[in-house]
Amino acid sequence: MNAFGSATVSAIIPTIGRPDSLRDLLDSLCLQTRRPDEVIVADGSDTLEIEHVVALNKWTDAGLVVRRIAVSPPNAVRQRVSAIECSMGEMVFLLDDDVVLEPACLEQLLCVMARSDQIVAAVADFNNQRWSSPTTAWRW
C-alpha cells in the first residue's frame, strides 16, 4: 500500500455560467465519505452568479472548503490549469460542473490509487444522463 489513501486532495471544477449544476455538484461533494481537502472553482463567467454559489455558508457548515478563482478568457483547459497551479493538494480530482457524484466516489478512487505505487491515475465513470430500461430493440 502507498500513501494515496492519506494524501491531500484538491477538487478542481472549471465552470462558466451554470450555478444550478455547480450547486448540485457541491452538494454531492458535501456527501462524500472522503471529502476533498479543498475545492477550487475556476470561474470563467462574466456575472456574479458563481461567486454567490461559492460564497454560500452551507459549504463551510458541511466542512467543505470551497474557493473561487476568476479565469479570463474562459477555456476549460486554461481554467483547470489555473486552478491546479494554485491548489495545495498532493492529488487533484478533476471534475466537470455538471456531474453529481455517488457518495463514495472519491474514497473509491483513492482506494484504487493506494493499491500500487505503479498507479498514477484513476477515473470514474460519470454519466449525467437518465437512461430508460433496455428494450428488445436495444438487444438487437
N, C-alpha and C. Protein backbone atom coordinates (compact mmCIF):
# COMPACT_ATOMS: atom_id res chain seq x y z
N MET A 1 0.84 -1.19 0.00
CA MET A 1 0.00 0.00 0.00
C MET A 1 0.89 1.25 0.00
N ASN A 2 0.44 2.27 -0.70
CA ASN A 2 1.17 3.53 -0.69
C ASN A 2 0.37 4.57 0.10
N ALA A 3 0.80 5.81 0.04
CA ALA A 3 0.20 6.85 0.88
C ALA A 3 -0.97 7.58 0.22
N PHE A 4 -1.47 7.10 -0.92
CA PHE A 4 -2.55 7.82 -1.58
C PHE A 4 -3.80 7.93 -0.72
N GLY A 5 -4.06 6.94 0.09
CA GLY A 5 -5.25 6.97 0.94
C GLY A 5 -5.24 8.14 1.92
N SER A 6 -4.05 8.60 2.29
CA SER A 6 -3.95 9.71 3.24
C SER A 6 -3.51 11.01 2.57
N ALA A 7 -3.39 11.01 1.25
CA ALA A 7 -2.95 12.21 0.52
C ALA A 7 -4.01 13.31 0.60
N THR A 8 -3.55 14.55 0.54
CA THR A 8 -4.49 15.66 0.46
C THR A 8 -4.97 15.78 -0.99
N VAL A 9 -6.24 16.13 -1.13
CA VAL A 9 -6.87 16.15 -2.44
C VAL A 9 -7.50 17.50 -2.71
N SER A 10 -7.19 18.05 -3.88
CA SER A 10 -7.82 19.29 -4.35
C SER A 10 -8.79 18.93 -5.47
N ALA A 11 -10.06 19.28 -5.29
CA ALA A 11 -11.05 19.10 -6.36
C ALA A 11 -11.03 20.34 -7.23
N ILE A 12 -10.92 20.13 -8.53
CA ILE A 12 -10.80 21.22 -9.50
C ILE A 12 -12.05 21.23 -10.37
N ILE A 13 -12.75 22.38 -10.40
CA ILE A 13 -14.00 22.47 -11.16
C ILE A 13 -14.00 23.71 -12.03
N PRO A 14 -13.81 23.55 -13.34
CA PRO A 14 -13.99 24.70 -14.23
C PRO A 14 -15.49 24.90 -14.47
N THR A 15 -15.92 26.15 -14.54
CA THR A 15 -17.34 26.42 -14.78
C THR A 15 -17.48 27.74 -15.51
N ILE A 16 -18.60 27.88 -16.16
CA ILE A 16 -18.94 29.15 -16.79
C ILE A 16 -20.47 29.26 -16.85
N GLY A 17 -21.03 30.05 -15.97
CA GLY A 17 -22.45 30.38 -16.01
C GLY A 17 -23.42 29.25 -15.76
N ARG A 18 -23.07 28.26 -14.95
CA ARG A 18 -24.01 27.19 -14.64
C ARG A 18 -24.12 27.02 -13.13
N PRO A 19 -24.71 28.01 -12.45
CA PRO A 19 -24.76 27.97 -10.99
C PRO A 19 -25.59 26.81 -10.43
N ASP A 20 -26.67 26.43 -11.10
CA ASP A 20 -27.50 25.36 -10.57
C ASP A 20 -26.78 24.01 -10.60
N SER A 21 -26.12 23.71 -11.71
CA SER A 21 -25.41 22.43 -11.77
C SER A 21 -24.20 22.45 -10.84
N LEU A 22 -23.53 23.58 -10.71
CA LEU A 22 -22.41 23.68 -9.76
C LEU A 22 -22.90 23.44 -8.34
N ARG A 23 -24.03 24.00 -7.99
CA ARG A 23 -24.60 23.80 -6.64
C ARG A 23 -24.88 22.32 -6.41
N ASP A 24 -25.42 21.62 -7.41
CA ASP A 24 -25.68 20.19 -7.27
C ASP A 24 -24.39 19.41 -7.06
N LEU A 25 -23.35 19.75 -7.81
CA LEU A 25 -22.06 19.08 -7.64
C LEU A 25 -21.50 19.34 -6.25
N LEU A 26 -21.53 20.58 -5.80
CA LEU A 26 -21.00 20.89 -4.47
C LEU A 26 -21.81 20.17 -3.38
N ASP A 27 -23.12 20.07 -3.57
CA ASP A 27 -23.93 19.28 -2.62
C ASP A 27 -23.44 17.84 -2.57
N SER A 28 -23.13 17.26 -3.74
CA SER A 28 -22.67 15.87 -3.75
C SER A 28 -21.27 15.75 -3.14
N LEU A 29 -20.44 16.77 -3.26
CA LEU A 29 -19.12 16.74 -2.60
C LEU A 29 -19.28 16.78 -1.08
N CYS A 30 -20.29 17.48 -0.59
CA CYS A 30 -20.54 17.51 0.85
C CYS A 30 -20.91 16.13 1.39
N LEU A 31 -21.48 15.30 0.54
CA LEU A 31 -21.94 13.97 0.96
C LEU A 31 -20.89 12.88 0.78
N GLN A 32 -19.70 13.22 0.31
CA GLN A 32 -18.66 12.23 0.07
C GLN A 32 -18.22 11.59 1.39
N THR A 33 -17.98 10.29 1.35
CA THR A 33 -17.46 9.59 2.53
C THR A 33 -16.02 10.00 2.81
N ARG A 34 -15.33 10.49 1.77
CA ARG A 34 -13.99 11.08 1.92
C ARG A 34 -14.04 12.38 1.11
N ARG A 35 -14.14 13.49 1.82
CA ARG A 35 -14.25 14.78 1.13
C ARG A 35 -12.88 15.25 0.65
N PRO A 36 -12.88 16.04 -0.44
CA PRO A 36 -11.61 16.67 -0.83
C PRO A 36 -11.20 17.67 0.24
N ASP A 37 -9.92 17.92 0.34
CA ASP A 37 -9.41 18.86 1.33
C ASP A 37 -9.67 20.31 0.93
N GLU A 38 -9.80 20.52 -0.36
CA GLU A 38 -10.16 21.85 -0.86
C GLU A 38 -10.87 21.67 -2.20
N VAL A 39 -11.72 22.64 -2.51
CA VAL A 39 -12.41 22.67 -3.79
C VAL A 39 -12.10 24.02 -4.42
N ILE A 40 -11.58 24.00 -5.63
CA ILE A 40 -11.28 25.25 -6.33
C ILE A 40 -12.19 25.32 -7.56
N VAL A 41 -13.03 26.34 -7.57
CA VAL A 41 -13.93 26.59 -8.69
C VAL A 41 -13.26 27.63 -9.58
N ALA A 42 -12.90 27.21 -10.79
CA ALA A 42 -12.25 28.10 -11.76
C ALA A 42 -13.35 28.69 -12.63
N ASP A 43 -13.71 29.92 -12.33
CA ASP A 43 -14.89 30.56 -12.91
C ASP A 43 -14.53 31.42 -14.12
N GLY A 44 -15.10 31.07 -15.27
CA GLY A 44 -14.92 31.85 -16.48
C GLY A 44 -16.10 32.74 -16.79
N SER A 45 -17.03 32.86 -15.86
CA SER A 45 -18.25 33.65 -16.08
C SER A 45 -17.97 35.14 -16.02
N ASP A 46 -18.88 35.90 -16.60
CA ASP A 46 -18.76 37.36 -16.51
C ASP A 46 -19.87 37.95 -15.64
N THR A 47 -20.52 37.09 -14.83
CA THR A 47 -21.53 37.56 -13.88
C THR A 47 -21.10 37.12 -12.48
N LEU A 48 -21.90 37.47 -11.48
CA LEU A 48 -21.57 37.13 -10.10
C LEU A 48 -22.27 35.87 -9.61
N GLU A 49 -23.01 35.18 -10.49
CA GLU A 49 -23.78 34.01 -10.06
C GLU A 49 -22.92 32.93 -9.41
N ILE A 50 -21.81 32.60 -10.03
CA ILE A 50 -20.94 31.55 -9.49
C ILE A 50 -20.32 32.00 -8.18
N GLU A 51 -19.92 33.25 -8.12
CA GLU A 51 -19.34 33.79 -6.89
C GLU A 51 -20.33 33.66 -5.74
N HIS A 52 -21.61 33.91 -6.00
CA HIS A 52 -22.64 33.78 -4.96
C HIS A 52 -22.81 32.33 -4.51
N VAL A 53 -22.75 31.39 -5.45
CA VAL A 53 -22.86 29.97 -5.09
C VAL A 53 -21.68 29.56 -4.21
N VAL A 54 -20.47 29.93 -4.60
CA VAL A 54 -19.28 29.57 -3.83
C VAL A 54 -19.32 30.17 -2.43
N ALA A 55 -19.90 31.35 -2.29
CA ALA A 55 -19.93 32.04 -1.00
C ALA A 55 -20.99 31.52 -0.03
N LEU A 56 -21.82 30.58 -0.45
CA LEU A 56 -22.87 30.08 0.44
C LEU A 56 -22.27 29.45 1.70
N ASN A 57 -22.84 29.76 2.84
CA ASN A 57 -22.37 29.22 4.12
C ASN A 57 -22.55 27.72 4.23
N LYS A 58 -23.47 27.16 3.46
CA LYS A 58 -23.75 25.73 3.59
C LYS A 58 -22.53 24.87 3.32
N TRP A 59 -21.58 25.34 2.50
CA TRP A 59 -20.39 24.54 2.21
C TRP A 59 -19.50 24.46 3.44
N THR A 60 -19.21 25.60 4.06
CA THR A 60 -18.37 25.57 5.27
C THR A 60 -19.09 24.88 6.42
N ASP A 61 -20.40 25.06 6.51
CA ASP A 61 -21.18 24.38 7.55
C ASP A 61 -21.07 22.86 7.40
N ALA A 62 -20.93 22.39 6.17
CA ALA A 62 -20.80 20.95 5.90
C ALA A 62 -19.34 20.48 5.95
N GLY A 63 -18.41 21.40 6.21
CA GLY A 63 -16.99 21.04 6.31
C GLY A 63 -16.26 21.03 4.98
N LEU A 64 -16.83 21.67 3.97
CA LEU A 64 -16.21 21.72 2.65
C LEU A 64 -15.55 23.08 2.47
N VAL A 65 -14.27 23.07 2.09
CA VAL A 65 -13.53 24.31 1.84
C VAL A 65 -13.60 24.60 0.34
N VAL A 66 -14.35 25.65 -0.01
CA VAL A 66 -14.56 25.99 -1.42
C VAL A 66 -14.07 27.41 -1.67
N ARG A 67 -13.27 27.56 -2.71
CA ARG A 67 -12.87 28.91 -3.11
C ARG A 67 -12.99 29.06 -4.61
N ARG A 68 -13.12 30.28 -5.04
CA ARG A 68 -13.32 30.61 -6.44
C ARG A 68 -12.13 31.41 -6.94
N ILE A 69 -11.69 31.07 -8.17
CA ILE A 69 -10.73 31.92 -8.85
C ILE A 69 -11.36 32.33 -10.18
N ALA A 70 -11.13 33.55 -10.58
CA ALA A 70 -11.64 34.03 -11.87
C ALA A 70 -10.59 33.74 -12.94
N VAL A 71 -11.05 33.22 -14.07
CA VAL A 71 -10.14 32.90 -15.18
C VAL A 71 -10.72 33.52 -16.45
N SER A 72 -9.91 34.37 -17.08
CA SER A 72 -10.37 35.03 -18.30
C SER A 72 -9.23 35.11 -19.29
N PRO A 73 -9.50 34.85 -20.54
CA PRO A 73 -10.77 34.43 -21.12
C PRO A 73 -11.06 32.98 -20.75
N PRO A 74 -12.34 32.62 -20.69
CA PRO A 74 -12.71 31.27 -20.28
C PRO A 74 -12.30 30.21 -21.31
N ASN A 75 -11.83 29.12 -20.80
CA ASN A 75 -11.45 27.96 -21.59
C ASN A 75 -11.24 26.84 -20.58
N ALA A 76 -11.90 25.71 -20.76
CA ALA A 76 -11.88 24.65 -19.74
C ALA A 76 -10.45 24.23 -19.38
N VAL A 77 -9.60 24.08 -20.37
CA VAL A 77 -8.21 23.67 -20.09
C VAL A 77 -7.49 24.77 -19.31
N ARG A 78 -7.61 26.01 -19.76
CA ARG A 78 -6.96 27.13 -19.07
C ARG A 78 -7.49 27.23 -17.62
N GLN A 79 -8.78 27.03 -17.44
CA GLN A 79 -9.37 27.10 -16.11
C GLN A 79 -8.81 26.00 -15.21
N ARG A 80 -8.72 24.78 -15.74
CA ARG A 80 -8.16 23.67 -14.94
C ARG A 80 -6.71 23.95 -14.57
N VAL A 81 -5.92 24.37 -15.53
CA VAL A 81 -4.50 24.65 -15.27
C VAL A 81 -4.36 25.74 -14.21
N SER A 82 -5.13 26.80 -14.32
CA SER A 82 -5.06 27.88 -13.33
C SER A 82 -5.40 27.38 -11.93
N ALA A 83 -6.42 26.54 -11.85
CA ALA A 83 -6.82 26.00 -10.54
C ALA A 83 -5.76 25.06 -9.99
N ILE A 84 -5.20 24.21 -10.83
CA ILE A 84 -4.16 23.29 -10.38
C ILE A 84 -2.95 24.06 -9.88
N GLU A 85 -2.59 25.14 -10.57
CA GLU A 85 -1.42 25.94 -10.16
C GLU A 85 -1.59 26.54 -8.78
N CYS A 86 -2.81 26.85 -8.38
CA CYS A 86 -2.99 27.45 -7.05
C CYS A 86 -3.52 26.44 -6.03
N SER A 87 -3.58 25.17 -6.40
CA SER A 87 -4.07 24.16 -5.47
C SER A 87 -2.98 23.77 -4.48
N MET A 88 -3.39 23.23 -3.34
CA MET A 88 -2.46 22.82 -2.31
C MET A 88 -2.43 21.31 -2.11
N GLY A 89 -3.30 20.58 -2.79
CA GLY A 89 -3.38 19.14 -2.61
C GLY A 89 -2.23 18.39 -3.25
N GLU A 90 -1.94 17.22 -2.71
CA GLU A 90 -0.94 16.33 -3.30
C GLU A 90 -1.51 15.63 -4.53
N MET A 91 -2.84 15.54 -4.58
CA MET A 91 -3.53 14.92 -5.70
C MET A 91 -4.64 15.86 -6.18
N VAL A 92 -4.99 15.73 -7.46
CA VAL A 92 -6.09 16.53 -7.98
C VAL A 92 -7.22 15.61 -8.40
N PHE A 93 -8.43 16.09 -8.19
CA PHE A 93 -9.66 15.39 -8.52
C PHE A 93 -10.35 16.29 -9.54
N LEU A 94 -10.20 15.96 -10.82
CA LEU A 94 -10.72 16.79 -11.90
C LEU A 94 -12.19 16.49 -12.14
N LEU A 95 -13.00 17.51 -12.07
CA LEU A 95 -14.45 17.36 -12.23
C LEU A 95 -14.97 18.34 -13.28
N ASP A 96 -16.15 18.05 -13.80
CA ASP A 96 -16.90 19.00 -14.61
C ASP A 96 -18.03 19.53 -13.75
N ASP A 97 -18.53 20.72 -14.08
CA ASP A 97 -19.54 21.35 -13.23
C ASP A 97 -20.93 20.76 -13.39
N ASP A 98 -21.10 19.77 -14.25
CA ASP A 98 -22.43 19.22 -14.48
C ASP A 98 -22.56 17.76 -14.06
N VAL A 99 -21.71 17.31 -13.13
CA VAL A 99 -21.83 15.94 -12.63
C VAL A 99 -22.29 15.97 -11.18
N VAL A 100 -22.90 14.88 -10.76
CA VAL A 100 -23.27 14.66 -9.36
C VAL A 100 -22.66 13.32 -8.99
N LEU A 101 -21.91 13.31 -7.92
CA LEU A 101 -21.13 12.13 -7.54
C LEU A 101 -21.89 11.21 -6.60
N GLU A 102 -21.63 9.91 -6.76
CA GLU A 102 -22.10 8.95 -5.77
C GLU A 102 -21.32 9.22 -4.49
N PRO A 103 -21.90 8.95 -3.32
CA PRO A 103 -21.25 9.32 -2.05
C PRO A 103 -19.86 8.75 -1.81
N ALA A 104 -19.52 7.62 -2.36
CA ALA A 104 -18.20 7.02 -2.10
C ALA A 104 -17.23 7.20 -3.27
N CYS A 105 -17.53 8.08 -4.20
CA CYS A 105 -16.72 8.22 -5.42
C CYS A 105 -15.25 8.51 -5.11
N LEU A 106 -14.97 9.56 -4.39
CA LEU A 106 -13.58 9.93 -4.12
C LEU A 106 -12.89 8.86 -3.28
N GLU A 107 -13.56 8.34 -2.29
CA GLU A 107 -12.96 7.30 -1.46
C GLU A 107 -12.57 6.08 -2.30
N GLN A 108 -13.43 5.68 -3.21
CA GLN A 108 -13.14 4.52 -4.05
C GLN A 108 -11.98 4.81 -5.01
N LEU A 109 -11.92 6.01 -5.57
CA LEU A 109 -10.80 6.36 -6.44
C LEU A 109 -9.48 6.32 -5.67
N LEU A 110 -9.49 6.83 -4.45
CA LEU A 110 -8.27 6.80 -3.63
C LEU A 110 -7.88 5.38 -3.27
N CYS A 111 -8.85 4.51 -3.05
CA CYS A 111 -8.54 3.10 -2.77
C CYS A 111 -7.86 2.45 -3.97
N VAL A 112 -8.32 2.76 -5.17
CA VAL A 112 -7.67 2.24 -6.37
C VAL A 112 -6.24 2.74 -6.44
N MET A 113 -6.04 4.03 -6.19
CA MET A 113 -4.70 4.61 -6.24
C MET A 113 -3.77 3.97 -5.21
N ALA A 114 -4.31 3.59 -4.08
CA ALA A 114 -3.49 3.04 -2.99
C ALA A 114 -3.04 1.60 -3.23
N ARG A 115 -3.57 0.95 -4.25
CA ARG A 115 -3.24 -0.46 -4.49
C ARG A 115 -1.80 -0.69 -4.93
N SER A 116 -1.20 0.31 -5.57
CA SER A 116 0.15 0.11 -6.10
C SER A 116 0.84 1.44 -6.33
N ASP A 117 2.15 1.43 -6.16
CA ASP A 117 2.93 2.63 -6.48
C ASP A 117 3.00 2.87 -7.99
N GLN A 118 2.59 1.88 -8.76
CA GLN A 118 2.63 1.99 -10.22
C GLN A 118 1.41 2.71 -10.79
N ILE A 119 0.34 2.87 -10.00
CA ILE A 119 -0.87 3.53 -10.47
C ILE A 119 -0.70 5.04 -10.29
N VAL A 120 -0.87 5.78 -11.36
CA VAL A 120 -0.70 7.23 -11.30
C VAL A 120 -1.99 7.99 -11.56
N ALA A 121 -3.05 7.30 -11.96
CA ALA A 121 -4.33 7.97 -12.22
C ALA A 121 -5.46 6.96 -12.11
N ALA A 122 -6.64 7.45 -11.79
CA ALA A 122 -7.85 6.64 -11.76
C ALA A 122 -8.99 7.51 -12.27
N VAL A 123 -9.92 6.89 -12.95
CA VAL A 123 -11.07 7.63 -13.46
C VAL A 123 -12.36 6.97 -12.99
N ALA A 124 -13.37 7.80 -12.86
CA ALA A 124 -14.69 7.31 -12.52
C ALA A 124 -15.56 7.39 -13.77
N ASP A 125 -16.55 6.56 -13.83
CA ASP A 125 -17.49 6.58 -14.94
C ASP A 125 -18.59 7.57 -14.59
N PHE A 126 -18.53 8.74 -15.22
CA PHE A 126 -19.51 9.77 -14.96
C PHE A 126 -20.56 9.76 -16.05
N ASN A 127 -21.81 9.83 -15.66
CA ASN A 127 -22.89 9.88 -16.63
C ASN A 127 -24.00 10.71 -16.02
N ASN A 128 -24.33 11.81 -16.67
CA ASN A 128 -25.39 12.65 -16.14
C ASN A 128 -26.69 12.48 -16.92
N GLN A 129 -26.79 11.37 -17.65
CA GLN A 129 -28.00 11.08 -18.43
C GLN A 129 -28.85 10.05 -17.71
N ARG A 130 -30.14 10.23 -17.80
CA ARG A 130 -31.06 9.21 -17.29
C ARG A 130 -31.47 8.34 -18.47
N TRP A 131 -31.21 7.05 -18.34
CA TRP A 131 -31.49 6.12 -19.43
C TRP A 131 -32.72 5.30 -19.09
N SER A 132 -33.53 5.06 -20.09
CA SER A 132 -34.69 4.21 -19.88
C SER A 132 -34.23 2.75 -19.79
N SER A 133 -35.12 1.89 -19.37
CA SER A 133 -34.80 0.48 -19.26
C SER A 133 -34.58 -0.11 -20.65
N PRO A 134 -33.72 -1.14 -20.75
CA PRO A 134 -33.46 -1.76 -22.04
C PRO A 134 -34.75 -2.32 -22.65
N THR A 135 -34.84 -2.24 -23.94
CA THR A 135 -35.98 -2.79 -24.67
C THR A 135 -35.48 -3.89 -25.59
N THR A 136 -36.38 -4.56 -26.23
CA THR A 136 -36.00 -5.62 -27.18
C THR A 136 -35.13 -5.04 -28.28
N ALA A 137 -35.46 -3.84 -28.74
CA ALA A 137 -34.68 -3.21 -29.81
C ALA A 137 -33.23 -2.99 -29.39
N TRP A 138 -32.97 -2.69 -28.11
CA TRP A 138 -31.61 -2.49 -27.64
C TRP A 138 -30.79 -3.77 -27.78
N ARG A 139 -31.43 -4.91 -27.55
CA ARG A 139 -30.72 -6.18 -27.59
C ARG A 139 -30.32 -6.55 -29.01
N TRP A 140 -31.04 -6.06 -30.02
CA TRP A 140 -30.74 -6.36 -31.42
C TRP A 140 -29.58 -5.54 -31.86
